[in-house]
All heavy atoms as atom14 arrays in JSON, in Angstrom:
{
  "sequence": "FGMLMERTLLQWLSGLDHLYGLLLTFGVALIIQGLFQNYFGSSGLPY",
  "atom14_mask": [
    [1, 1, 1, 1, 1, 1, 1, 1, 1, 1, 1, 0, 0, 0],
    [1, 1, 1, 1, 0, 0, 0, 0, 0, 0, 0, 0, 0, 0],
    [1, 1, 1, 1, 1, 1, 1, 1, 0, 0, 0, 0, 0, 0],
    [1, 1, 1, 1, 1, 1, 1, 1, 0, 0, 0, 0, 0, 0],
    [1, 1, 1, 1, 1, 1, 1, 1, 0, 0, 0, 0, 0, 0],
    [1, 1, 1, 1, 1, 1, 1, 1, 1, 0, 0, 0, 0, 0],
    [1, 1, 1, 1, 1, 1, 1, 1, 1, 1, 1, 0, 0, 0],
    [1, 1, 1, 1, 1, 1, 1, 0, 0, 0, 0, 0, 0, 0],
    [1, 1, 1, 1, 1, 1, 1, 1, 0, 0, 0, 0, 0, 0],
    [1, 1, 1, 1, 1, 1, 1, 1, 0, 0, 0, 0, 0, 0],
    [1, 1, 1, 1, 1, 1, 1, 1, 1, 0, 0, 0, 0, 0],
    [1, 1, 1, 1, 1, 1, 1, 1, 1, 1, 1, 1, 1, 1],
    [1, 1, 1, 1, 1, 1, 1, 1, 0, 0, 0, 0, 0, 0],
    [1, 1, 1, 1, 1, 1, 0, 0, 0, 0, 0, 0, 0, 0],
    [1, 1, 1, 1, 0, 0, 0, 0, 0, 0, 0, 0, 0, 0],
    [1, 1, 1, 1, 1, 1, 1, 1, 0, 0, 0, 0, 0, 0],
    [1, 1, 1, 1, 1, 1, 1, 1, 0, 0, 0, 0, 0, 0],
    [1, 1, 1, 1, 1, 1, 1, 1, 1, 1, 0, 0, 0, 0],
    [1, 1, 1, 1, 1, 1, 1, 1, 0, 0, 0, 0, 0, 0],
    [1, 1, 1, 1, 1, 1, 1, 1, 1, 1, 1, 1, 0, 0],
    [1, 1, 1, 1, 0, 0, 0, 0, 0, 0, 0, 0, 0, 0],
    [1, 1, 1, 1, 1, 1, 1, 1, 0, 0, 0, 0, 0, 0],
    [1, 1, 1, 1, 1, 1, 1, 1, 0, 0, 0, 0, 0, 0],
    [1, 1, 1, 1, 1, 1, 1, 1, 0, 0, 0, 0, 0, 0],
    [1, 1, 1, 1, 1, 1, 1, 0, 0, 0, 0, 0, 0, 0],
    [1, 1, 1, 1, 1, 1, 1, 1, 1, 1, 1, 0, 0, 0],
    [1, 1, 1, 1, 0, 0, 0, 0, 0, 0, 0, 0, 0, 0],
    [1, 1, 1, 1, 1, 1, 1, 0, 0, 0, 0, 0, 0, 0],
    [1, 1, 1, 1, 1, 0, 0, 0, 0, 0, 0, 0, 0, 0],
    [1, 1, 1, 1, 1, 1, 1, 1, 0, 0, 0, 0, 0, 0],
    [1, 1, 1, 1, 1, 1, 1, 1, 0, 0, 0, 0, 0, 0],
    [1, 1, 1, 1, 1, 1, 1, 1, 0, 0, 0, 0, 0, 0],
    [1, 1, 1, 1, 1, 1, 1, 1, 1, 0, 0, 0, 0, 0],
    [1, 1, 1, 1, 0, 0, 0, 0, 0, 0, 0, 0, 0, 0],
    [1, 1, 1, 1, 1, 1, 1, 1, 0, 0, 0, 0, 0, 0],
    [1, 1, 1, 1, 1, 1, 1, 1, 1, 1, 1, 0, 0, 0],
    [1, 1, 1, 1, 1, 1, 1, 1, 1, 0, 0, 0, 0, 0],
    [1, 1, 1, 1, 1, 1, 1, 1, 0, 0, 0, 0, 0, 0],
    [1, 1, 1, 1, 1, 1, 1, 1, 1, 1, 1, 1, 0, 0],
    [1, 1, 1, 1, 1, 1, 1, 1, 1, 1, 1, 0, 0, 0],
    [1, 1, 1, 1, 0, 0, 0, 0, 0, 0, 0, 0, 0, 0],
    [1, 1, 1, 1, 1, 1, 0, 0, 0, 0, 0, 0, 0, 0],
    [1, 1, 1, 1, 1, 1, 0, 0, 0, 0, 0, 0, 0, 0],
    [1, 1, 1, 1, 0, 0, 0, 0, 0, 0, 0, 0, 0, 0],
    [1, 1, 1, 1, 1, 1, 1, 1, 0, 0, 0, 0, 0, 0],
    [1, 1, 1, 1, 1, 1, 1, 0, 0, 0, 0, 0, 0, 0],
    [1, 1, 1, 1, 1, 1, 1, 1, 1, 1, 1, 1, 0, 0]
  ],
  "atom14_positions": [
    [[-68.23, -31.86, -154.63], [-69.48, -32.15, -153.92], [-70.11, -33.44, -154.46], [-70.61, -34.28, -153.69], [-70.45, -30.99, -154.07], [-71.82, -31.25, -153.51], [-72.06, -31.13, -152.15], [-72.88, -31.63, -154.34], [-73.32, -31.39, -151.62], [-74.14, -31.89, -153.82], [-74.36, -31.77, -152.45], [0.0, 0.0, 0.0], [0.0, 0.0, 0.0], [0.0, 0.0, 0.0]],
    [[-70.08, -33.61, -155.78], [-70.61, -34.83, -156.39], [-69.85, -36.07, -155.93], [-70.45, -37.12, -155.66], [0.0, 0.0, 0.0], [0.0, 0.0, 0.0], [0.0, 0.0, 0.0], [0.0, 0.0, 0.0], [0.0, 0.0, 0.0], [0.0, 0.0, 0.0], [0.0, 0.0, 0.0], [0.0, 0.0, 0.0], [0.0, 0.0, 0.0], [0.0, 0.0, 0.0]],
    [[-68.52, -35.96, -155.84], [-67.72, -37.11, -155.38], [-68.04, -37.46, -153.93], [-68.11, -38.63, -153.56], [-66.23, -36.81, -155.56], [-65.78, -36.8, -157.01], [-63.99, -36.74, -157.23], [-63.67, -35.03, -156.79], [0.0, 0.0, 0.0], [0.0, 0.0, 0.0], [0.0, 0.0, 0.0], [0.0, 0.0, 0.0], [0.0, 0.0, 0.0], [0.0, 0.0, 0.0]],
    [[-68.26, -36.42, -153.12], [-68.66, -36.67, -151.73], [-70.02, -37.37, -151.69], [-70.23, -38.3, -150.9], [-68.72, -35.33, -150.97], [-69.19, -35.4, -149.52], [-68.18, -36.19, -148.68], [-69.37, -33.99, -148.94], [0.0, 0.0, 0.0], [0.0, 0.0, 0.0], [0.0, 0.0, 0.0], [0.0, 0.0, 0.0], [0.0, 0.0, 0.0], [0.0, 0.0, 0.0]],
    [[-70.93, -36.94, -152.55], [-72.25, -37.57, -152.61], [-72.14, -39.04, -153.05], [-72.82, -39.91, -152.51], [-73.13, -36.79, -153.6], [-74.61, -37.13, -153.53], [-75.58, -35.97, -154.51], [-75.46, -36.73, -156.11], [0.0, 0.0, 0.0], [0.0, 0.0, 0.0], [0.0, 0.0, 0.0], [0.0, 0.0, 0.0], [0.0, 0.0, 0.0], [0.0, 0.0, 0.0]],
    [[-71.25, -39.31, -154.0], [-71.07, -40.69, -154.46], [-70.48, -41.56, -153.36], [-70.91, -42.7, -153.16], [-70.15, -40.7, -155.7], [-70.15, -41.99, -156.48], [-69.25, -43.06, -155.86], [-68.25, -42.67, -155.2], [-69.52, -44.26, -156.03], [0.0, 0.0, 0.0], [0.0, 0.0, 0.0], [0.0, 0.0, 0.0], [0.0, 0.0, 0.0], [0.0, 0.0, 0.0]],
    [[-69.52, -41.03, -152.61], [-68.88, -41.81, -151.55], [-69.8, -42.07, -150.38], [-69.75, -43.14, -149.76], [-67.64, -41.06, -151.04], [-66.42, -41.11, -151.93], [-65.71, -42.45, -151.89], [-66.32, -43.42, -152.81], [-66.07, -44.72, -152.8], [-65.27, -45.23, -151.9], [-66.65, -45.52, -153.67], [0.0, 0.0, 0.0], [0.0, 0.0, 0.0], [0.0, 0.0, 0.0]],
    [[-70.66, -41.09, -150.04], [-71.49, -41.23, -148.85], [-72.86, -41.84, -149.11], [-73.47, -42.42, -148.21], [-71.68, -39.85, -148.18], [-72.23, -38.94, -149.14], [-70.35, -39.31, -147.68], [0.0, 0.0, 0.0], [0.0, 0.0, 0.0], [0.0, 0.0, 0.0], [0.0, 0.0, 0.0], [0.0, 0.0, 0.0], [0.0, 0.0, 0.0], [0.0, 0.0, 0.0]],
    [[-73.36, -41.71, -150.35], [-74.73, -42.18, -150.65], [-74.78, -43.23, -151.76], [-75.27, -44.34, -151.55], [-75.61, -40.98, -151.05], [-75.84, -39.9, -149.98], [-76.6, -38.73, -150.59], [-76.59, -40.46, -148.79], [0.0, 0.0, 0.0], [0.0, 0.0, 0.0], [0.0, 0.0, 0.0], [0.0, 0.0, 0.0], [0.0, 0.0, 0.0], [0.0, 0.0, 0.0]],
    [[-74.27, -42.87, -152.93], [-74.51, -43.69, -154.11], [-73.74, -45.01, -154.11], [-74.18, -45.97, -154.73], [-74.17, -42.89, -155.37], [-75.05, -41.67, -155.63], [-74.55, -40.88, -156.82], [-76.5, -42.09, -155.84], [0.0, 0.0, 0.0], [0.0, 0.0, 0.0], [0.0, 0.0, 0.0], [0.0, 0.0, 0.0], [0.0, 0.0, 0.0], [0.0, 0.0, 0.0]],
    [[-72.59, -45.05, -153.43], [-71.81, -46.29, -153.47], [-72.56, -47.47, -152.83], [-72.32, -48.62, -153.18], [-70.47, -46.09, -152.76], [-70.56, -45.91, -151.26], [-69.22, -46.19, -150.58], [-68.41, -46.96, -151.09], [-68.99, -45.55, -149.44], [0.0, 0.0, 0.0], [0.0, 0.0, 0.0], [0.0, 0.0, 0.0], [0.0, 0.0, 0.0], [0.0, 0.0, 0.0]],
    [[-73.51, -47.16, -151.94], [-74.25, -48.24, -151.28], [-75.32, -48.85, -152.19], [-75.92, -49.87, -151.85], [-74.91, -47.71, -150.0], [-73.93, -47.04, -149.09], [-73.84, -45.73, -148.8], [-72.88, -47.68, -148.36], [-72.8, -45.48, -147.94], [-72.19, -46.68, -147.65], [-72.44, -49.01, -148.24], [-71.1, -46.93, -146.84], [-71.35, -49.27, -147.43], [-70.69, -48.26, -146.74]],
    [[-75.55, -48.21, -153.33], [-76.56, -48.72, -154.27], [-75.95, -49.61, -155.35], [-76.67, -50.03, -156.27], [-77.31, -47.56, -154.92], [-77.99, -46.57, -153.96], [-78.7, -45.49, -154.75], [-78.98, -47.3, -153.06], [0.0, 0.0, 0.0], [0.0, 0.0, 0.0], [0.0, 0.0, 0.0], [0.0, 0.0, 0.0], [0.0, 0.0, 0.0], [0.0, 0.0, 0.0]],
    [[-74.67, -49.86, -155.27], [-74.0, -50.66, -156.3], [-74.62, -52.06, -156.4], [-74.79, -52.76, -155.39], [-72.51, -50.79, -155.96], [-71.86, -51.61, -156.9], [0.0, 0.0, 0.0], [0.0, 0.0, 0.0], [0.0, 0.0, 0.0], [0.0, 0.0, 0.0], [0.0, 0.0, 0.0], [0.0, 0.0, 0.0], [0.0, 0.0, 0.0], [0.0, 0.0, 0.0]],
    [[-74.99, -52.45, -157.59], [-75.57, -53.77, -157.82], [-77.07, -53.82, -157.66], [-77.69, -54.83, -157.98], [0.0, 0.0, 0.0], [0.0, 0.0, 0.0], [0.0, 0.0, 0.0], [0.0, 0.0, 0.0], [0.0, 0.0, 0.0], [0.0, 0.0, 0.0], [0.0, 0.0, 0.0], [0.0, 0.0, 0.0], [0.0, 0.0, 0.0], [0.0, 0.0, 0.0]],
    [[-77.68, -52.73, -157.17], [-79.13, -52.72, -157.0], [-79.8, -52.22, -158.27], [-79.17, -51.73, -159.2], [-79.51, -51.82, -155.82], [-79.0, -52.24, -154.44], [-79.45, -51.23, -153.39], [-79.49, -53.64, -154.08], [0.0, 0.0, 0.0], [0.0, 0.0, 0.0], [0.0, 0.0, 0.0], [0.0, 0.0, 0.0], [0.0, 0.0, 0.0], [0.0, 0.0, 0.0]],
    [[-81.12, -52.34, -158.32], [-81.89, -51.88, -159.47], [-81.72, -50.37, -159.68], [-81.54, -49.62, -158.73], [-83.37, -52.21, -159.24], [-84.21, -51.97, -160.49], [-84.71, -50.85, -160.65], [-84.35, -52.92, -161.29], [0.0, 0.0, 0.0], [0.0, 0.0, 0.0], [0.0, 0.0, 0.0], [0.0, 0.0, 0.0], [0.0, 0.0, 0.0], [0.0, 0.0, 0.0]],
    [[-81.79, -49.93, -160.96], [-81.63, -48.52, -161.3], [-82.63, -47.64, -160.59], [-82.35, -46.45, -160.35], [-81.78, -48.31, -162.81], [-80.68, -48.94, -163.6], [-80.86, -49.4, -164.88], [-79.39, -49.22, -163.29], [-79.73, -49.91, -165.33], [-78.83, -49.81, -164.38], [0.0, 0.0, 0.0], [0.0, 0.0, 0.0], [0.0, 0.0, 0.0], [0.0, 0.0, 0.0]],
    [[-83.79, -48.17, -160.24], [-84.85, -47.38, -159.62], [-84.38, -46.79, -158.29], [-84.75, -45.66, -157.95], [-86.09, -48.25, -159.4], [-87.31, -47.55, -158.8], [-87.8, -46.43, -159.69], [-88.43, -48.56, -158.55], [0.0, 0.0, 0.0], [0.0, 0.0, 0.0], [0.0, 0.0, 0.0], [0.0, 0.0, 0.0], [0.0, 0.0, 0.0], [0.0, 0.0, 0.0]],
    [[-83.55, -47.52, -157.55], [-83.07, -47.02, -156.26], [-82.21, -45.77, -156.44], [-82.34, -44.79, -155.7], [-82.28, -48.1, -155.53], [-83.13, -49.25, -155.06], [-83.22, -50.42, -155.82], [-83.83, -49.18, -153.86], [-84.01, -51.49, -155.4], [-84.61, -50.24, -153.43], [-84.7, -51.39, -154.2], [-85.49, -52.44, -153.79], [0.0, 0.0, 0.0], [0.0, 0.0, 0.0]],
    [[-81.32, -45.8, -157.43], [-80.48, -44.63, -157.7], [-81.3, -43.45, -158.17], [-81.04, -42.3, -157.79], [0.0, 0.0, 0.0], [0.0, 0.0, 0.0], [0.0, 0.0, 0.0], [0.0, 0.0, 0.0], [0.0, 0.0, 0.0], [0.0, 0.0, 0.0], [0.0, 0.0, 0.0], [0.0, 0.0, 0.0], [0.0, 0.0, 0.0], [0.0, 0.0, 0.0]],
    [[-82.3, -43.72, -159.01], [-83.16, -42.64, -159.51], [-83.91, -41.97, -158.35], [-83.96, -40.74, -158.26], [-84.14, -43.19, -160.54], [-84.97, -42.18, -161.34], [-85.32, -42.74, -162.7], [-86.28, -41.85, -160.6], [0.0, 0.0, 0.0], [0.0, 0.0, 0.0], [0.0, 0.0, 0.0], [0.0, 0.0, 0.0], [0.0, 0.0, 0.0], [0.0, 0.0, 0.0]],
    [[-84.48, -42.78, -157.45], [-85.24, -42.22, -156.33], [-84.33, -41.46, -155.37], [-84.69, -40.39, -154.88], [-85.96, -43.34, -155.58], [-87.12, -44.01, -156.34], [-87.65, -45.21, -155.57], [-88.24, -43.0, -156.6], [0.0, 0.0, 0.0], [0.0, 0.0, 0.0], [0.0, 0.0, 0.0], [0.0, 0.0, 0.0], [0.0, 0.0, 0.0], [0.0, 0.0, 0.0]],
    [[-83.13, -42.0, -155.12], [-82.2, -41.31, -154.21], [-81.76, -39.97, -154.78], [-81.8, -38.94, -154.09], [-80.99, -42.2, -153.96], [-79.88, -41.57, -153.09], [-80.42, -41.21, -151.71], [-78.69, -42.51, -152.96], [0.0, 0.0, 0.0], [0.0, 0.0, 0.0], [0.0, 0.0, 0.0], [0.0, 0.0, 0.0], [0.0, 0.0, 0.0], [0.0, 0.0, 0.0]],
    [[-81.35, -39.96, -156.05], [-80.89, -38.71, -156.65], [-82.04, -37.71, -156.82], [-81.83, -36.5, -156.74], [-80.21, -38.96, -158.01], [-81.09, -39.71, -158.86], [-78.91, -39.73, -157.82], [0.0, 0.0, 0.0], [0.0, 0.0, 0.0], [0.0, 0.0, 0.0], [0.0, 0.0, 0.0], [0.0, 0.0, 0.0], [0.0, 0.0, 0.0], [0.0, 0.0, 0.0]],
    [[-83.26, -38.21, -157.04], [-84.42, -37.32, -157.11], [-84.64, -36.65, -155.77], [-84.92, -35.45, -155.69], [-85.65, -38.12, -157.53], [-86.91, -37.3, -157.62], [-87.04, -36.29, -158.58], [-87.97, -37.52, -156.75], [-88.2, -35.53, -158.66], [-89.12, -36.76, -156.83], [-89.24, -35.76, -157.79], [0.0, 0.0, 0.0], [0.0, 0.0, 0.0], [0.0, 0.0, 0.0]],
    [[-84.51, -37.42, -154.69], [-84.64, -36.84, -153.35], [-83.56, -35.82, -153.06], [-83.83, -34.75, -152.49], [0.0, 0.0, 0.0], [0.0, 0.0, 0.0], [0.0, 0.0, 0.0], [0.0, 0.0, 0.0], [0.0, 0.0, 0.0], [0.0, 0.0, 0.0], [0.0, 0.0, 0.0], [0.0, 0.0, 0.0], [0.0, 0.0, 0.0], [0.0, 0.0, 0.0]],
    [[-82.32, -36.12, -153.47], [-81.21, -35.16, -153.28], [-81.49, -33.87, -154.05], [-81.26, -32.76, -153.55], [-79.88, -35.8, -153.73], [-78.77, -34.75, -153.77], [-79.48, -36.93, -152.8], [0.0, 0.0, 0.0], [0.0, 0.0, 0.0], [0.0, 0.0, 0.0], [0.0, 0.0, 0.0], [0.0, 0.0, 0.0], [0.0, 0.0, 0.0], [0.0, 0.0, 0.0]],
    [[-82.02, -34.0, -155.29], [-82.34, -32.83, -156.1], [-83.38, -31.96, -155.41], [-83.25, -30.72, -155.37], [-82.84, -33.26, -157.48], [0.0, 0.0, 0.0], [0.0, 0.0, 0.0], [0.0, 0.0, 0.0], [0.0, 0.0, 0.0], [0.0, 0.0, 0.0], [0.0, 0.0, 0.0], [0.0, 0.0, 0.0], [0.0, 0.0, 0.0], [0.0, 0.0, 0.0]],
    [[-84.42, -32.58, -154.84], [-85.46, -31.81, -154.15], [-84.9, -31.08, -152.93], [-85.27, -29.93, -152.66], [-86.6, -32.74, -153.72], [-87.45, -33.35, -154.84], [-88.51, -34.26, -154.25], [-88.11, -32.26, -155.68], [0.0, 0.0, 0.0], [0.0, 0.0, 0.0], [0.0, 0.0, 0.0], [0.0, 0.0, 0.0], [0.0, 0.0, 0.0], [0.0, 0.0, 0.0]],
    [[-84.0, -31.73, -152.21], [-83.39, -31.1, -151.02], [-82.55, -29.9, -151.43], [-82.65, -28.81, -150.85], [-82.53, -32.13, -150.25], [-83.43, -33.2, -149.63], [-81.7, -31.43, -149.18], [-82.67, -34.37, -149.04], [0.0, 0.0, 0.0], [0.0, 0.0, 0.0], [0.0, 0.0, 0.0], [0.0, 0.0, 0.0], [0.0, 0.0, 0.0], [0.0, 0.0, 0.0]],
    [[-81.69, -30.08, -152.45], [-80.82, -28.98, -152.9], [-81.64, -27.81, -153.41], [-81.42, -26.65, -153.03], [-79.85, -29.49, -154.0], [-78.88, -30.52, -153.42], [-79.07, -28.32, -154.61], [-78.01, -31.2, -154.47], [0.0, 0.0, 0.0], [0.0, 0.0, 0.0], [0.0, 0.0, 0.0], [0.0, 0.0, 0.0], [0.0, 0.0, 0.0], [0.0, 0.0, 0.0]],
    [[-82.63, -28.09, -154.25], [-83.46, -27.03, -154.81], [-84.25, -26.33, -153.7], [-84.4, -25.09, -153.72], [-84.4, -27.58, -155.86], [-83.7, -27.99, -157.15], [-84.63, -28.69, -158.12], [-85.81, -28.86, -157.86], [-84.09, -29.11, -159.25], [0.0, 0.0, 0.0], [0.0, 0.0, 0.0], [0.0, 0.0, 0.0], [0.0, 0.0, 0.0], [0.0, 0.0, 0.0]],
    [[-84.76, -27.11, -152.74], [-85.51, -26.51, -151.63], [-84.65, -25.58, -150.79], [-85.1, -24.49, -150.4], [0.0, 0.0, 0.0], [0.0, 0.0, 0.0], [0.0, 0.0, 0.0], [0.0, 0.0, 0.0], [0.0, 0.0, 0.0], [0.0, 0.0, 0.0], [0.0, 0.0, 0.0], [0.0, 0.0, 0.0], [0.0, 0.0, 0.0], [0.0, 0.0, 0.0]],
    [[-83.41, -25.98, -150.51], [-82.51, -25.13, -149.72], [-82.21, -23.82, -150.43], [-82.28, -22.74, -149.83], [-81.21, -25.9, -149.42], [-81.3, -27.05, -148.42], [-79.98, -27.81, -148.37], [-81.65, -26.51, -147.03], [0.0, 0.0, 0.0], [0.0, 0.0, 0.0], [0.0, 0.0, 0.0], [0.0, 0.0, 0.0], [0.0, 0.0, 0.0], [0.0, 0.0, 0.0]],
    [[-81.88, -23.9, -151.71], [-81.55, -22.69, -152.46], [-82.78, -21.79, -152.62], [-82.68, -20.57, -152.54], [-80.97, -23.05, -153.83], [-79.5, -23.34, -153.8], [-79.03, -24.61, -153.5], [-78.57, -22.35, -154.08], [-77.68, -24.9, -153.47], [-77.22, -22.61, -154.05], [-76.76, -23.89, -153.74], [0.0, 0.0, 0.0], [0.0, 0.0, 0.0], [0.0, 0.0, 0.0]],
    [[-83.95, -22.41, -152.83], [-85.17, -21.62, -153.0], [-85.55, -20.94, -151.7], [-86.07, -19.81, -151.69], [-86.3, -22.51, -153.5], [-87.47, -21.74, -154.09], [-88.45, -22.66, -154.82], [-88.36, -23.88, -154.74], [-89.39, -22.08, -155.52], [0.0, 0.0, 0.0], [0.0, 0.0, 0.0], [0.0, 0.0, 0.0], [0.0, 0.0, 0.0], [0.0, 0.0, 0.0]],
    [[-85.29, -21.59, -150.57], [-85.6, -21.02, -149.27], [-84.78, -19.76, -149.0], [-85.27, -18.79, -148.42], [-85.36, -22.06, -148.18], [-85.75, -21.56, -146.8], [-86.86, -21.11, -146.58], [-84.8, -21.62, -145.86], [0.0, 0.0, 0.0], [0.0, 0.0, 0.0], [0.0, 0.0, 0.0], [0.0, 0.0, 0.0], [0.0, 0.0, 0.0], [0.0, 0.0, 0.0]],
    [[-83.51, -19.77, -149.43], [-82.62, -18.65, -149.15], [-82.65, -17.57, -150.23], [-82.41, -16.4, -149.94], [-81.18, -19.15, -148.97], [-80.94, -19.8, -147.63], [-80.94, -21.18, -147.5], [-80.75, -19.03, -146.48], [-80.73, -21.79, -146.26], [-80.55, -19.63, -145.24], [-80.54, -21.01, -145.14], [-80.34, -21.61, -143.91], [0.0, 0.0, 0.0], [0.0, 0.0, 0.0]],
    [[-82.92, -17.95, -151.48], [-82.8, -16.99, -152.58], [-84.11, -16.73, -153.32], [-84.14, -15.91, -154.24], [-81.74, -17.48, -153.59], [-80.39, -17.64, -152.99], [-79.92, -18.9, -152.63], [-79.58, -16.54, -152.75], [-78.68, -19.06, -152.06], [-78.33, -16.69, -152.17], [-77.88, -17.95, -151.83], [0.0, 0.0, 0.0], [0.0, 0.0, 0.0], [0.0, 0.0, 0.0]],
    [[-85.19, -17.43, -152.94], [-86.46, -17.23, -153.61], [-86.45, -17.82, -155.01], [-85.56, -18.58, -155.39], [0.0, 0.0, 0.0], [0.0, 0.0, 0.0], [0.0, 0.0, 0.0], [0.0, 0.0, 0.0], [0.0, 0.0, 0.0], [0.0, 0.0, 0.0], [0.0, 0.0, 0.0], [0.0, 0.0, 0.0], [0.0, 0.0, 0.0], [0.0, 0.0, 0.0]],
    [[-87.46, -17.46, -155.8], [-87.59, -18.02, -157.14], [-87.14, -17.07, -158.24], [-87.04, -17.47, -159.4], [-89.06, -18.41, -157.4], [-89.48, -19.39, -156.47], [0.0, 0.0, 0.0], [0.0, 0.0, 0.0], [0.0, 0.0, 0.0], [0.0, 0.0, 0.0], [0.0, 0.0, 0.0], [0.0, 0.0, 0.0], [0.0, 0.0, 0.0], [0.0, 0.0, 0.0]],
    [[-86.91, -15.81, -157.9], [-86.51, -14.84, -158.93], [-85.04, -15.03, -159.3], [-84.25, -15.57, -158.53], [-86.75, -13.42, -158.43], [-86.02, -13.19, -157.24], [0.0, 0.0, 0.0], [0.0, 0.0, 0.0], [0.0, 0.0, 0.0], [0.0, 0.0, 0.0], [0.0, 0.0, 0.0], [0.0, 0.0, 0.0], [0.0, 0.0, 0.0], [0.0, 0.0, 0.0]],
    [[-84.69, -14.58, -160.5], [-83.34, -14.76, -160.98], [-82.38, -13.7, -160.45], [-82.76, -12.55, -160.2], [0.0, 0.0, 0.0], [0.0, 0.0, 0.0], [0.0, 0.0, 0.0], [0.0, 0.0, 0.0], [0.0, 0.0, 0.0], [0.0, 0.0, 0.0], [0.0, 0.0, 0.0], [0.0, 0.0, 0.0], [0.0, 0.0, 0.0], [0.0, 0.0, 0.0]],
    [[-81.12, -14.1, -160.29], [-80.06, -13.19, -159.87], [-79.18, -12.89, -161.08], [-78.8, -13.8, -161.83], [-79.22, -13.83, -158.76], [-79.98, -14.23, -157.49], [-79.1, -15.03, -156.56], [-80.48, -12.98, -156.78], [0.0, 0.0, 0.0], [0.0, 0.0, 0.0], [0.0, 0.0, 0.0], [0.0, 0.0, 0.0], [0.0, 0.0, 0.0], [0.0, 0.0, 0.0]],
    [[-78.85, -11.63, -161.32], [-78.09, -11.29, -162.52], [-76.62, -11.7, -162.42], [-76.02, -11.64, -161.35], [-78.23, -9.76, -162.59], [-78.43, -9.34, -161.17], [-79.2, -10.45, -160.5], [0.0, 0.0, 0.0], [0.0, 0.0, 0.0], [0.0, 0.0, 0.0], [0.0, 0.0, 0.0], [0.0, 0.0, 0.0], [0.0, 0.0, 0.0], [0.0, 0.0, 0.0]],
    [[-76.08, -12.12, -163.55], [-74.64, -12.43, -163.65], [-74.15, -11.8, -164.95], [-74.62, -12.14, -166.03], [-74.41, -13.94, -163.65], [-72.95, -14.32, -163.55], [-72.35, -14.49, -162.31], [-72.18, -14.5, -164.7], [-71.0, -14.83, -162.22], [-70.84, -14.84, -164.61], [-70.25, -15.0, -163.37], [-68.93, -15.33, -163.27], [0.0, 0.0, 0.0], [0.0, 0.0, 0.0]]
  ]
}
């Protein structure tokens, strides 16, 4: 999944300031966390 993310998103930031990568990955983190929280809530699942 990370390699897919690098190929589709991060490769276009090559040579740009670090801030662009930080903002993009921060946005991706919020999306992933929001999707999982929407389906599984905030409580922990036992393993």
